């Protein structure tokens, strides 16, 4: 029964949430939609729902059809609960939106529908492109890349780097480095394609900067 209800959740397009929306707010949106459809908000259902709604943020980098359970767990505990205070609960008891979380979810849903979370000044990829193309485009739409492109290097923080690399502040460095190499590989594979050449080169320059300044950025 629960599986059928989750199947009815409609995924958002990557370009709707790739920029300007925190993962804490995306978590609130997922639980909000689950409440709308009377889906029990236990940990397993939240994991599957987050990946279904926002695959570009909550899927394993190398296996895009599988939820990144570790990242989702960290997101729920650290970002959505401790920092933003959007949810309450735990893995054993399940999760509920706080009043603040409900407001954040409603505001974010309107933002996602309006499309204002995407930057019109950056190259956009066509809908339903390959997963690797979406991931590389997400790098360009990140706040860390924005600061890099405007030479605000000292303002780039660890949280932003972890977010670009599909991790959280608790993700170990080896996993972050592995994800960094995966993103470099995706960008390199796109570089020979004329349509994506500028996007790939820009992202590779940013990822090279992250690689060269690794210790400083993730300390």
N, C-alpha and C. Protein backbone atom coordinates (compact mmCIF):
# COMPACT_ATOMS: atom_id res chain seq x y z
N UNK A 1 0.82 -1.20 0.00
CA UNK A 1 0.00 0.00 0.00
C UNK A 1 0.86 1.26 0.00
N UNK A 2 1.86 1.28 0.92
CA UNK A 2 2.74 2.45 1.00
C UNK A 2 3.54 2.62 -0.29
N UNK A 3 3.98 1.50 -0.87
CA UNK A 3 4.75 1.57 -2.11
C UNK A 3 3.93 2.21 -3.22
N UNK A 4 2.66 1.87 -3.30
CA UNK A 4 1.79 2.43 -4.34
C UNK A 4 1.61 3.93 -4.13
N UNK A 5 1.52 4.36 -2.88
CA UNK A 5 1.37 5.79 -2.59
C UNK A 5 2.63 6.55 -2.97
N UNK A 6 3.79 5.99 -2.64
CA UNK A 6 5.06 6.63 -2.98
C UNK A 6 5.24 6.72 -4.49
N UNK A 7 4.78 5.69 -5.19
CA UNK A 7 4.88 5.70 -6.65
C UNK A 7 4.12 6.87 -7.27
N UNK A 8 3.13 7.39 -6.55
CA UNK A 8 2.33 8.50 -7.07
C UNK A 8 3.02 9.86 -6.91
N UNK A 9 4.10 9.89 -6.13
CA UNK A 9 4.84 11.15 -5.98
C UNK A 9 5.47 11.53 -7.31
N UNK A 10 5.31 12.77 -7.69
CA UNK A 10 5.83 13.22 -8.99
C UNK A 10 7.19 13.89 -8.81
N UNK A 11 8.24 13.35 -9.44
CA UNK A 11 9.58 13.93 -9.29
C UNK A 11 9.65 15.36 -9.83
N UNK A 12 10.42 16.18 -9.15
CA UNK A 12 10.70 17.52 -9.66
C UNK A 12 11.84 17.42 -10.68
N UNK A 13 11.87 18.33 -11.63
CA UNK A 13 12.96 18.37 -12.59
C UNK A 13 14.21 18.91 -11.91
N UNK A 14 15.37 18.41 -12.31
CA UNK A 14 16.63 18.80 -11.69
C UNK A 14 16.84 20.31 -11.69
N UNK A 15 16.48 20.97 -12.81
CA UNK A 15 16.72 22.40 -12.90
C UNK A 15 15.84 23.21 -11.95
N UNK A 16 14.79 22.60 -11.40
CA UNK A 16 13.93 23.30 -10.47
C UNK A 16 14.56 23.44 -9.09
N UNK A 17 15.44 22.50 -8.73
CA UNK A 17 15.98 22.53 -7.36
C UNK A 17 17.50 22.53 -7.31
N UNK A 18 18.15 22.72 -8.46
CA UNK A 18 19.61 22.62 -8.49
C UNK A 18 20.31 23.85 -7.91
N UNK A 19 19.59 24.96 -7.77
CA UNK A 19 20.22 26.17 -7.26
C UNK A 19 19.25 26.94 -6.37
N UNK A 20 19.76 27.45 -5.26
CA UNK A 20 18.98 28.33 -4.41
C UNK A 20 18.04 27.65 -3.44
N UNK A 21 18.06 26.32 -3.38
CA UNK A 21 17.19 25.59 -2.45
C UNK A 21 18.05 24.65 -1.62
N UNK A 22 18.01 24.77 -0.31
CA UNK A 22 18.84 23.94 0.56
C UNK A 22 18.26 22.52 0.64
N UNK A 23 19.14 21.58 0.99
CA UNK A 23 18.67 20.20 1.13
C UNK A 23 17.75 20.06 2.34
N UNK A 24 17.89 20.93 3.31
CA UNK A 24 16.97 20.91 4.46
C UNK A 24 15.55 21.25 4.00
N UNK A 25 15.43 22.23 3.13
CA UNK A 25 14.10 22.60 2.62
C UNK A 25 13.53 21.51 1.73
N UNK A 26 14.39 20.85 0.96
CA UNK A 26 13.91 19.74 0.13
C UNK A 26 13.38 18.61 1.02
N UNK A 27 14.01 18.39 2.14
CA UNK A 27 13.52 17.38 3.09
C UNK A 27 12.14 17.75 3.62
N UNK A 28 11.98 19.02 3.92
CA UNK A 28 10.67 19.48 4.41
C UNK A 28 9.60 19.31 3.34
N UNK A 29 9.96 19.61 2.09
CA UNK A 29 9.02 19.44 0.98
C UNK A 29 8.59 17.99 0.84
N UNK A 30 9.55 17.08 0.95
CA UNK A 30 9.24 15.65 0.81
C UNK A 30 8.26 15.20 1.89
N UNK A 31 8.52 15.57 3.13
CA UNK A 31 7.63 15.15 4.22
C UNK A 31 6.25 15.82 4.08
N UNK A 32 6.24 17.05 3.58
CA UNK A 32 4.97 17.76 3.33
C UNK A 32 4.13 16.98 2.31
N UNK A 33 4.76 16.57 1.21
CA UNK A 33 4.03 15.80 0.18
C UNK A 33 3.59 14.43 0.72
N UNK A 34 4.42 13.82 1.55
CA UNK A 34 4.05 12.54 2.14
C UNK A 34 2.83 12.70 3.03
N UNK A 35 2.78 13.77 3.82
CA UNK A 35 1.61 14.03 4.66
C UNK A 35 0.36 14.23 3.81
N UNK A 36 0.52 14.93 2.68
CA UNK A 36 -0.61 15.17 1.78
C UNK A 36 -1.22 13.87 1.29
N UNK A 37 -0.36 12.88 1.04
CA UNK A 37 -0.82 11.61 0.47
C UNK A 37 -0.97 10.52 1.53
N UNK A 38 -0.90 10.93 2.79
CA UNK A 38 -1.06 10.00 3.91
C UNK A 38 -0.05 8.85 3.87
N UNK A 39 1.17 9.16 3.48
CA UNK A 39 2.24 8.18 3.50
C UNK A 39 2.93 8.25 4.86
N UNK A 40 3.02 7.16 5.59
CA UNK A 40 3.69 7.17 6.90
C UNK A 40 5.12 7.69 6.76
N UNK A 41 5.50 8.60 7.64
CA UNK A 41 6.81 9.24 7.51
C UNK A 41 7.87 8.55 8.36
N UNK A 42 7.95 7.23 8.23
CA UNK A 42 9.05 6.51 8.86
C UNK A 42 10.31 6.68 8.02
N UNK A 43 11.44 6.30 8.56
CA UNK A 43 12.72 6.57 7.90
C UNK A 43 12.79 5.96 6.50
N UNK A 44 12.39 4.71 6.37
CA UNK A 44 12.48 4.05 5.07
C UNK A 44 11.65 4.77 4.00
N UNK A 45 10.44 5.17 4.38
CA UNK A 45 9.59 5.86 3.42
C UNK A 45 10.14 7.24 3.05
N UNK A 46 10.72 7.92 4.03
CA UNK A 46 11.31 9.24 3.75
C UNK A 46 12.49 9.09 2.80
N UNK A 47 13.32 8.08 3.01
CA UNK A 47 14.46 7.82 2.12
C UNK A 47 14.00 7.64 0.69
N UNK A 48 13.02 6.77 0.49
CA UNK A 48 12.53 6.47 -0.85
C UNK A 48 11.85 7.70 -1.47
N UNK A 49 11.09 8.43 -0.66
CA UNK A 49 10.37 9.60 -1.16
C UNK A 49 11.31 10.72 -1.57
N UNK A 50 12.35 10.96 -0.78
CA UNK A 50 13.32 12.00 -1.13
C UNK A 50 14.02 11.67 -2.44
N UNK A 51 14.40 10.42 -2.60
CA UNK A 51 15.08 10.03 -3.84
C UNK A 51 14.12 10.09 -5.02
N UNK A 52 12.85 9.78 -4.79
CA UNK A 52 11.86 9.81 -5.87
C UNK A 52 11.59 11.25 -6.31
N UNK A 53 11.48 12.16 -5.34
CA UNK A 53 11.16 13.56 -5.65
C UNK A 53 12.37 14.34 -6.18
N UNK A 54 13.55 14.07 -5.61
CA UNK A 54 14.74 14.85 -5.95
C UNK A 54 15.93 13.93 -6.24
N UNK A 55 15.85 13.15 -7.31
CA UNK A 55 16.92 12.18 -7.60
C UNK A 55 18.29 12.82 -7.81
N UNK A 56 18.30 14.07 -8.29
CA UNK A 56 19.57 14.74 -8.53
C UNK A 56 20.32 15.09 -7.26
N UNK A 57 19.64 15.08 -6.12
CA UNK A 57 20.26 15.43 -4.84
C UNK A 57 20.45 14.23 -3.91
N UNK A 58 19.57 13.24 -4.02
CA UNK A 58 19.56 12.18 -3.02
C UNK A 58 19.76 10.78 -3.59
N UNK A 59 20.40 10.69 -4.77
CA UNK A 59 20.74 9.39 -5.34
C UNK A 59 22.23 9.14 -5.17
N UNK A 60 22.62 7.88 -5.16
CA UNK A 60 24.04 7.56 -5.18
C UNK A 60 24.64 8.06 -6.48
N UNK A 61 25.82 8.64 -6.40
CA UNK A 61 26.42 9.28 -7.57
C UNK A 61 26.63 8.28 -8.71
N UNK A 62 27.07 7.07 -8.37
CA UNK A 62 27.36 6.08 -9.41
C UNK A 62 26.17 5.18 -9.73
N UNK A 63 25.16 5.23 -8.88
CA UNK A 63 23.96 4.41 -9.09
C UNK A 63 22.74 5.31 -8.92
N UNK A 64 22.41 6.10 -9.94
CA UNK A 64 21.38 7.15 -9.82
C UNK A 64 19.97 6.67 -9.50
N UNK A 65 19.72 5.36 -9.60
CA UNK A 65 18.38 4.84 -9.29
C UNK A 65 18.27 4.40 -7.84
N UNK A 66 19.37 4.50 -7.07
CA UNK A 66 19.38 4.03 -5.70
C UNK A 66 19.54 5.21 -4.74
N UNK A 67 18.73 5.28 -3.69
CA UNK A 67 18.84 6.38 -2.72
C UNK A 67 20.18 6.36 -1.99
N UNK A 68 20.72 7.54 -1.72
CA UNK A 68 21.93 7.68 -0.92
C UNK A 68 21.50 7.77 0.54
N UNK A 69 21.33 6.61 1.17
CA UNK A 69 20.77 6.54 2.52
C UNK A 69 21.60 7.30 3.54
N UNK A 70 22.92 7.22 3.43
CA UNK A 70 23.78 7.91 4.39
C UNK A 70 23.59 9.42 4.29
N UNK A 71 23.55 9.93 3.07
CA UNK A 71 23.38 11.37 2.91
C UNK A 71 22.02 11.82 3.42
N UNK A 72 21.00 11.02 3.15
CA UNK A 72 19.65 11.37 3.60
C UNK A 72 19.58 11.36 5.12
N UNK A 73 20.18 10.36 5.75
CA UNK A 73 20.20 10.29 7.21
C UNK A 73 20.88 11.53 7.80
N UNK A 74 22.05 11.89 7.24
CA UNK A 74 22.75 13.08 7.72
C UNK A 74 21.95 14.35 7.48
N UNK A 75 21.29 14.41 6.33
CA UNK A 75 20.47 15.58 6.00
C UNK A 75 19.33 15.75 7.00
N UNK A 76 18.66 14.66 7.32
CA UNK A 76 17.54 14.72 8.25
C UNK A 76 18.01 15.12 9.65
N UNK A 77 19.10 14.52 10.12
CA UNK A 77 19.56 14.76 11.49
C UNK A 77 20.23 16.13 11.64
N UNK A 78 21.12 16.45 10.70
CA UNK A 78 21.94 17.65 10.87
C UNK A 78 21.32 18.89 10.24
N UNK A 79 20.97 18.78 8.95
CA UNK A 79 20.51 19.97 8.23
C UNK A 79 19.06 20.33 8.55
N UNK A 80 18.16 19.36 8.38
CA UNK A 80 16.73 19.65 8.54
C UNK A 80 16.30 19.76 10.00
N UNK A 81 16.95 18.98 10.88
CA UNK A 81 16.52 18.96 12.28
C UNK A 81 17.36 19.88 13.17
N UNK A 82 18.65 19.63 13.26
CA UNK A 82 19.49 20.40 14.19
C UNK A 82 19.69 21.85 13.76
N UNK A 83 20.00 22.06 12.49
CA UNK A 83 20.32 23.41 12.02
C UNK A 83 19.07 24.22 11.69
N UNK A 84 18.25 23.70 10.80
CA UNK A 84 17.09 24.47 10.32
C UNK A 84 15.87 24.34 11.22
N UNK A 85 15.81 23.25 11.99
CA UNK A 85 14.67 22.98 12.88
C UNK A 85 13.35 22.87 12.11
N UNK A 86 13.42 22.23 10.95
CA UNK A 86 12.23 22.03 10.12
C UNK A 86 11.47 20.76 10.51
N UNK A 87 12.17 19.80 11.11
CA UNK A 87 11.51 18.54 11.45
C UNK A 87 11.84 18.14 12.88
N UNK A 88 11.04 17.21 13.40
CA UNK A 88 11.34 16.58 14.70
C UNK A 88 11.11 15.09 14.55
N UNK A 89 11.76 14.33 15.42
CA UNK A 89 11.63 12.88 15.34
C UNK A 89 12.99 12.22 15.17
N UNK A 90 12.97 10.94 14.83
CA UNK A 90 14.21 10.20 14.62
C UNK A 90 13.93 8.96 13.77
N UNK A 91 15.00 8.20 13.49
CA UNK A 91 14.85 7.03 12.63
C UNK A 91 13.89 6.00 13.22
N UNK A 92 13.89 5.87 14.52
CA UNK A 92 13.05 4.85 15.15
C UNK A 92 11.57 5.25 15.18
N UNK A 93 11.29 6.52 15.48
CA UNK A 93 9.91 6.96 15.64
C UNK A 93 9.31 7.59 14.38
N UNK A 94 10.18 7.95 13.42
CA UNK A 94 9.68 8.64 12.24
C UNK A 94 9.82 10.14 12.40
N UNK A 95 9.30 10.89 11.43
CA UNK A 95 9.54 12.33 11.40
C UNK A 95 8.24 13.11 11.22
N UNK A 96 8.24 14.33 11.77
CA UNK A 96 7.12 15.26 11.62
C UNK A 96 7.67 16.65 11.31
N UNK A 97 6.90 17.41 10.55
CA UNK A 97 7.27 18.80 10.29
C UNK A 97 6.96 19.65 11.51
N UNK A 98 7.84 20.58 11.81
CA UNK A 98 7.53 21.60 12.81
C UNK A 98 6.73 22.70 12.12
N UNK A 99 6.24 23.66 12.87
CA UNK A 99 5.54 24.79 12.25
C UNK A 99 6.43 25.52 11.28
N UNK A 100 7.69 25.71 11.68
CA UNK A 100 8.67 26.36 10.81
C UNK A 100 8.90 25.53 9.55
N UNK A 101 8.95 24.22 9.73
CA UNK A 101 9.16 23.33 8.59
C UNK A 101 8.01 23.36 7.59
N UNK A 102 6.79 23.42 8.12
CA UNK A 102 5.62 23.47 7.25
C UNK A 102 5.63 24.75 6.41
N UNK A 103 5.97 25.86 7.05
CA UNK A 103 6.05 27.14 6.33
C UNK A 103 7.14 27.09 5.28
N UNK A 104 8.29 26.53 5.66
CA UNK A 104 9.41 26.43 4.72
C UNK A 104 9.05 25.55 3.53
N UNK A 105 8.32 24.46 3.80
CA UNK A 105 7.92 23.55 2.73
C UNK A 105 6.96 24.24 1.75
N UNK A 106 5.98 24.95 2.29
CA UNK A 106 5.00 25.63 1.44
C UNK A 106 5.67 26.71 0.58
N UNK A 107 6.57 27.47 1.18
CA UNK A 107 7.28 28.51 0.44
C UNK A 107 8.17 27.90 -0.64
N UNK A 108 8.82 26.80 -0.29
CA UNK A 108 9.73 26.15 -1.24
C UNK A 108 8.96 25.54 -2.41
N UNK A 109 7.82 24.96 -2.13
CA UNK A 109 6.99 24.38 -3.21
C UNK A 109 6.60 25.45 -4.21
N UNK A 110 6.21 26.62 -3.71
CA UNK A 110 5.87 27.73 -4.60
C UNK A 110 7.08 28.17 -5.41
N UNK A 111 8.24 28.19 -4.77
CA UNK A 111 9.48 28.56 -5.45
C UNK A 111 9.83 27.55 -6.55
N UNK A 112 9.67 26.28 -6.23
CA UNK A 112 9.96 25.23 -7.21
C UNK A 112 9.01 25.31 -8.40
N UNK A 113 7.75 25.58 -8.12
CA UNK A 113 6.76 25.68 -9.21
C UNK A 113 7.04 26.87 -10.11
N UNK A 114 7.52 27.96 -9.51
CA UNK A 114 7.75 29.18 -10.29
C UNK A 114 9.00 29.09 -11.14
N UNK A 115 9.92 28.17 -10.76
CA UNK A 115 11.16 28.03 -11.51
C UNK A 115 12.17 29.09 -11.18
N UNK A 116 11.93 29.91 -10.15
CA UNK A 116 12.84 31.00 -9.81
C UNK A 116 14.09 30.54 -9.10
N UNK A 117 14.15 29.25 -8.77
CA UNK A 117 15.35 28.76 -8.09
C UNK A 117 16.49 28.51 -9.07
N UNK A 118 16.20 28.55 -10.37
CA UNK A 118 17.24 28.35 -11.37
C UNK A 118 17.77 29.68 -11.84
N UNK A 119 19.02 29.72 -12.19
CA UNK A 119 19.65 30.96 -12.66
C UNK A 119 19.56 31.05 -14.16
N UNK A 120 18.91 32.14 -14.67
CA UNK A 120 18.76 32.31 -16.11
C UNK A 120 20.05 32.72 -16.79
N UNK A 121 21.05 33.12 -16.01
CA UNK A 121 22.29 33.59 -16.60
C UNK A 121 23.27 32.47 -16.89
N UNK A 122 22.94 31.26 -16.49
CA UNK A 122 23.86 30.14 -16.68
C UNK A 122 23.31 29.20 -17.74
N UNK A 123 24.21 28.49 -18.44
CA UNK A 123 23.75 27.54 -19.46
C UNK A 123 22.83 26.50 -18.85
N UNK A 124 21.71 26.24 -19.52
CA UNK A 124 20.77 25.25 -19.02
C UNK A 124 20.81 24.02 -19.92
N UNK A 125 20.66 22.91 -19.35
CA UNK A 125 20.62 21.68 -20.13
C UNK A 125 19.17 21.34 -20.43
N UNK A 126 18.96 20.62 -21.52
CA UNK A 126 17.60 20.24 -21.89
C UNK A 126 17.06 19.24 -20.88
N UNK A 127 15.74 19.19 -20.80
CA UNK A 127 15.09 18.27 -19.88
C UNK A 127 15.42 16.82 -20.24
N UNK A 128 15.46 15.99 -19.21
CA UNK A 128 15.64 14.55 -19.37
C UNK A 128 16.97 14.17 -20.02
N UNK A 129 18.01 14.99 -19.81
CA UNK A 129 19.35 14.63 -20.28
C UNK A 129 19.89 13.52 -19.38
N UNK A 130 21.03 13.03 -19.77
CA UNK A 130 21.65 11.97 -18.99
C UNK A 130 21.92 12.44 -17.56
N UNK A 131 21.98 11.50 -16.65
CA UNK A 131 22.25 11.82 -15.25
C UNK A 131 23.57 12.57 -15.09
N UNK A 132 24.57 12.18 -15.84
CA UNK A 132 25.87 12.83 -15.69
C UNK A 132 25.80 14.30 -16.10
N UNK A 133 24.98 14.61 -17.12
CA UNK A 133 24.83 15.98 -17.56
C UNK A 133 24.13 16.81 -16.49
N UNK A 134 23.14 16.23 -15.85
CA UNK A 134 22.43 16.93 -14.78
C UNK A 134 23.36 17.20 -13.60
N UNK A 135 24.19 16.21 -13.27
CA UNK A 135 25.10 16.37 -12.14
C UNK A 135 26.12 17.47 -12.40
N UNK A 136 26.66 17.52 -13.61
CA UNK A 136 27.64 18.56 -13.95
C UNK A 136 26.97 19.93 -13.96
N UNK A 137 25.75 20.00 -14.48
CA UNK A 137 25.02 21.25 -14.48
C UNK A 137 24.72 21.71 -13.05
N UNK A 138 24.45 20.76 -12.15
CA UNK A 138 24.20 21.10 -10.75
C UNK A 138 25.42 21.75 -10.11
N UNK A 139 26.62 21.31 -10.51
CA UNK A 139 27.84 21.92 -9.98
C UNK A 139 27.88 23.40 -10.35
N UNK A 140 27.57 23.71 -11.62
CA UNK A 140 27.60 25.10 -12.07
C UNK A 140 26.53 25.94 -11.37
N UNK A 141 25.45 25.32 -10.98
CA UNK A 141 24.36 26.05 -10.33
C UNK A 141 24.53 26.17 -8.81
N UNK A 142 25.63 25.67 -8.30
CA UNK A 142 25.85 25.68 -6.84
C UNK A 142 26.36 27.03 -6.36
N UNK A 143 26.16 27.27 -5.08
CA UNK A 143 26.65 28.52 -4.49
C UNK A 143 28.17 28.56 -4.46
N UNK A 144 28.80 27.40 -4.29
CA UNK A 144 30.27 27.36 -4.28
C UNK A 144 30.83 27.77 -5.64
N UNK A 145 30.21 27.28 -6.71
CA UNK A 145 30.67 27.65 -8.05
C UNK A 145 30.42 29.13 -8.31
N UNK A 146 29.31 29.65 -7.82
CA UNK A 146 28.99 31.07 -8.00
C UNK A 146 30.08 31.94 -7.37
N UNK A 147 30.51 31.56 -6.17
CA UNK A 147 31.57 32.33 -5.50
C UNK A 147 32.90 32.17 -6.22
N UNK A 148 33.16 30.96 -6.73
CA UNK A 148 34.39 30.73 -7.48
C UNK A 148 34.43 31.57 -8.75
N UNK A 149 33.31 31.60 -9.47
CA UNK A 149 33.25 32.32 -10.74
C UNK A 149 33.35 33.83 -10.57
N UNK A 150 33.00 34.31 -9.38
CA UNK A 150 33.10 35.75 -9.11
C UNK A 150 34.32 36.08 -8.25
N UNK A 151 35.22 35.08 -8.15
CA UNK A 151 36.51 35.24 -7.45
C UNK A 151 36.35 35.58 -5.96
N UNK A 152 35.26 35.09 -5.37
CA UNK A 152 35.07 35.25 -3.92
C UNK A 152 35.57 33.99 -3.21
N UNK A 153 36.82 33.66 -3.45
CA UNK A 153 37.37 32.39 -3.00
C UNK A 153 37.32 32.22 -1.48
N UNK A 154 37.56 33.28 -0.76
CA UNK A 154 37.60 33.17 0.71
C UNK A 154 36.22 32.94 1.32
N UNK A 155 35.17 33.15 0.54
CA UNK A 155 33.81 32.96 1.05
C UNK A 155 33.28 31.54 0.85
N UNK A 156 34.01 30.73 0.08
CA UNK A 156 33.58 29.35 -0.14
C UNK A 156 33.81 28.56 1.14
N UNK A 157 32.76 27.91 1.65
CA UNK A 157 32.90 27.20 2.92
C UNK A 157 32.75 25.69 2.75
N UNK A 158 33.08 24.98 3.78
CA UNK A 158 33.07 23.52 3.75
C UNK A 158 31.69 22.96 3.45
N UNK A 159 30.66 23.54 4.04
CA UNK A 159 29.29 23.06 3.82
C UNK A 159 28.95 23.08 2.33
N UNK A 160 29.33 24.17 1.65
CA UNK A 160 29.04 24.31 0.22
C UNK A 160 29.80 23.28 -0.61
N UNK A 161 31.04 23.03 -0.24
CA UNK A 161 31.85 22.03 -0.94
C UNK A 161 31.25 20.64 -0.75
N UNK A 162 30.87 20.33 0.48
CA UNK A 162 30.25 19.03 0.76
C UNK A 162 28.95 18.86 -0.04
N UNK A 163 28.18 19.93 -0.15
CA UNK A 163 26.92 19.87 -0.88
C UNK A 163 27.18 19.60 -2.36
N UNK A 164 28.17 20.29 -2.94
CA UNK A 164 28.52 20.06 -4.35
C UNK A 164 28.92 18.60 -4.57
N UNK A 165 29.61 18.03 -3.59
CA UNK A 165 30.13 16.67 -3.71
C UNK A 165 29.16 15.63 -3.17
N UNK A 166 27.89 15.99 -3.05
CA UNK A 166 26.83 15.08 -2.62
C UNK A 166 27.14 14.45 -1.27
N UNK A 167 27.59 15.30 -0.34
CA UNK A 167 27.85 14.84 1.01
C UNK A 167 27.33 15.84 2.02
N UNK A 168 27.64 15.60 3.27
CA UNK A 168 27.29 16.53 4.34
C UNK A 168 28.56 16.77 5.16
N UNK A 169 28.44 17.58 6.21
CA UNK A 169 29.59 17.87 7.05
C UNK A 169 30.14 16.62 7.73
N UNK A 170 29.33 15.57 7.83
CA UNK A 170 29.77 14.34 8.49
C UNK A 170 30.34 13.30 7.52
N UNK A 171 30.20 13.53 6.22
CA UNK A 171 30.70 12.58 5.23
C UNK A 171 32.23 12.53 5.30
N UNK A 172 32.80 11.33 5.31
CA UNK A 172 34.26 11.24 5.43
C UNK A 172 34.93 11.70 4.13
N UNK A 173 36.20 12.09 4.27
CA UNK A 173 36.92 12.70 3.16
C UNK A 173 37.09 11.76 1.97
N UNK A 174 37.27 10.48 2.25
CA UNK A 174 37.46 9.53 1.14
C UNK A 174 36.23 9.48 0.24
N UNK A 175 35.06 9.50 0.86
CA UNK A 175 33.82 9.48 0.07
C UNK A 175 33.68 10.78 -0.74
N UNK A 176 34.02 11.91 -0.11
CA UNK A 176 33.95 13.19 -0.81
C UNK A 176 34.93 13.22 -1.99
N UNK A 177 36.14 12.71 -1.77
CA UNK A 177 37.13 12.68 -2.85
C UNK A 177 36.71 11.75 -3.97
N UNK A 178 36.09 10.64 -3.62
CA UNK A 178 35.60 9.72 -4.64
C UNK A 178 34.52 10.38 -5.49
N UNK A 179 33.63 11.12 -4.83
CA UNK A 179 32.59 11.83 -5.56
C UNK A 179 33.17 12.94 -6.43
N UNK A 180 34.23 13.59 -5.92
CA UNK A 180 34.91 14.62 -6.71
C UNK A 180 35.46 14.02 -7.99
N UNK A 181 36.11 12.88 -7.90
CA UNK A 181 36.67 12.22 -9.07
C UNK A 181 35.58 11.79 -10.05
N UNK A 182 34.45 11.35 -9.51
CA UNK A 182 33.32 10.96 -10.36
C UNK A 182 32.81 12.15 -11.16
N UNK A 183 32.68 13.31 -10.50
CA UNK A 183 32.21 14.51 -11.18
C UNK A 183 33.21 14.97 -12.24
N UNK A 184 34.50 14.87 -11.92
CA UNK A 184 35.53 15.21 -12.91
C UNK A 184 35.39 14.31 -14.13
N UNK A 185 35.16 13.02 -13.89
CA UNK A 185 34.98 12.08 -15.00
C UNK A 185 33.79 12.42 -15.86
N UNK A 186 32.67 12.81 -15.22
CA UNK A 186 31.48 13.20 -15.97
C UNK A 186 31.77 14.42 -16.85
N UNK A 187 32.42 15.42 -16.25
CA UNK A 187 32.71 16.65 -16.99
C UNK A 187 33.67 16.37 -18.15
N UNK A 188 34.67 15.52 -17.90
CA UNK A 188 35.63 15.17 -18.95
C UNK A 188 34.94 14.48 -20.12
N UNK A 189 33.96 13.62 -19.82
CA UNK A 189 33.25 12.90 -20.88
C UNK A 189 32.35 13.82 -21.70
N UNK A 190 31.92 14.94 -21.09
CA UNK A 190 31.07 15.90 -21.79
C UNK A 190 31.86 16.91 -22.61
N UNK A 191 33.12 17.10 -22.27
CA UNK A 191 33.94 18.14 -22.89
C UNK A 191 34.03 18.04 -24.42
N UNK A 192 34.15 16.84 -24.99
CA UNK A 192 34.25 16.75 -26.46
C UNK A 192 32.95 17.08 -27.19
N UNK A 193 31.83 17.13 -26.47
CA UNK A 193 30.54 17.40 -27.10
C UNK A 193 30.36 18.92 -27.19
N UNK A 194 30.25 19.43 -28.39
CA UNK A 194 30.23 20.87 -28.61
C UNK A 194 29.15 21.58 -27.79
N UNK A 195 28.00 20.96 -27.69
CA UNK A 195 26.87 21.55 -26.96
C UNK A 195 27.20 21.81 -25.49
N UNK A 196 28.07 20.96 -24.92
CA UNK A 196 28.38 21.04 -23.50
C UNK A 196 29.82 21.47 -23.20
N UNK A 197 30.56 21.83 -24.23
CA UNK A 197 31.99 22.13 -24.05
C UNK A 197 32.23 23.24 -23.03
N UNK A 198 31.53 24.36 -23.17
CA UNK A 198 31.74 25.49 -22.26
C UNK A 198 31.36 25.13 -20.83
N UNK A 199 30.25 24.43 -20.69
CA UNK A 199 29.80 23.98 -19.36
C UNK A 199 30.86 23.08 -18.73
N UNK A 200 31.35 22.11 -19.51
CA UNK A 200 32.32 21.15 -18.99
C UNK A 200 33.62 21.83 -18.59
N UNK A 201 34.11 22.74 -19.44
CA UNK A 201 35.37 23.44 -19.15
C UNK A 201 35.25 24.27 -17.88
N UNK A 202 34.14 24.99 -17.74
CA UNK A 202 33.93 25.83 -16.55
C UNK A 202 33.89 24.98 -15.29
N UNK A 203 33.17 23.88 -15.34
CA UNK A 203 33.06 23.01 -14.17
C UNK A 203 34.40 22.35 -13.85
N UNK A 204 35.13 21.95 -14.88
CA UNK A 204 36.44 21.33 -14.65
C UNK A 204 37.41 22.32 -13.98
N UNK A 205 37.34 23.58 -14.37
CA UNK A 205 38.19 24.60 -13.74
C UNK A 205 37.87 24.73 -12.25
N UNK A 206 36.57 24.69 -11.95
CA UNK A 206 36.15 24.78 -10.55
C UNK A 206 36.60 23.54 -9.77
N UNK A 207 36.38 22.35 -10.34
CA UNK A 207 36.75 21.11 -9.65
C UNK A 207 38.26 21.01 -9.46
N UNK A 208 39.01 21.54 -10.42
CA UNK A 208 40.47 21.57 -10.29
C UNK A 208 40.87 22.48 -9.12
N UNK A 209 40.17 23.60 -8.98
CA UNK A 209 40.42 24.50 -7.85
C UNK A 209 40.14 23.78 -6.53
N UNK A 210 39.03 23.05 -6.48
CA UNK A 210 38.69 22.30 -5.26
C UNK A 210 39.78 21.28 -4.95
N UNK A 211 40.26 20.58 -5.99
CA UNK A 211 41.29 19.57 -5.81
C UNK A 211 42.58 20.20 -5.28
N UNK A 212 42.97 21.32 -5.84
CA UNK A 212 44.22 21.98 -5.47
C UNK A 212 44.16 22.60 -4.08
N UNK A 213 42.96 22.96 -3.64
CA UNK A 213 42.81 23.62 -2.34
C UNK A 213 42.03 22.74 -1.35
N UNK A 214 42.15 21.44 -1.54
CA UNK A 214 41.36 20.46 -0.80
C UNK A 214 41.47 20.64 0.71
N UNK A 215 42.69 20.65 1.23
CA UNK A 215 42.87 20.72 2.68
C UNK A 215 42.26 21.97 3.29
N UNK A 216 42.42 23.07 2.60
CA UNK A 216 41.88 24.34 3.11
C UNK A 216 40.36 24.35 3.07
N UNK A 217 39.77 23.77 2.03
CA UNK A 217 38.33 23.84 1.85
C UNK A 217 37.56 22.88 2.75
N UNK A 218 38.16 21.77 3.10
CA UNK A 218 37.41 20.76 3.87
C UNK A 218 37.93 20.58 5.29
N UNK A 219 38.80 21.46 5.73
CA UNK A 219 39.33 21.33 7.10
C UNK A 219 38.24 21.61 8.14
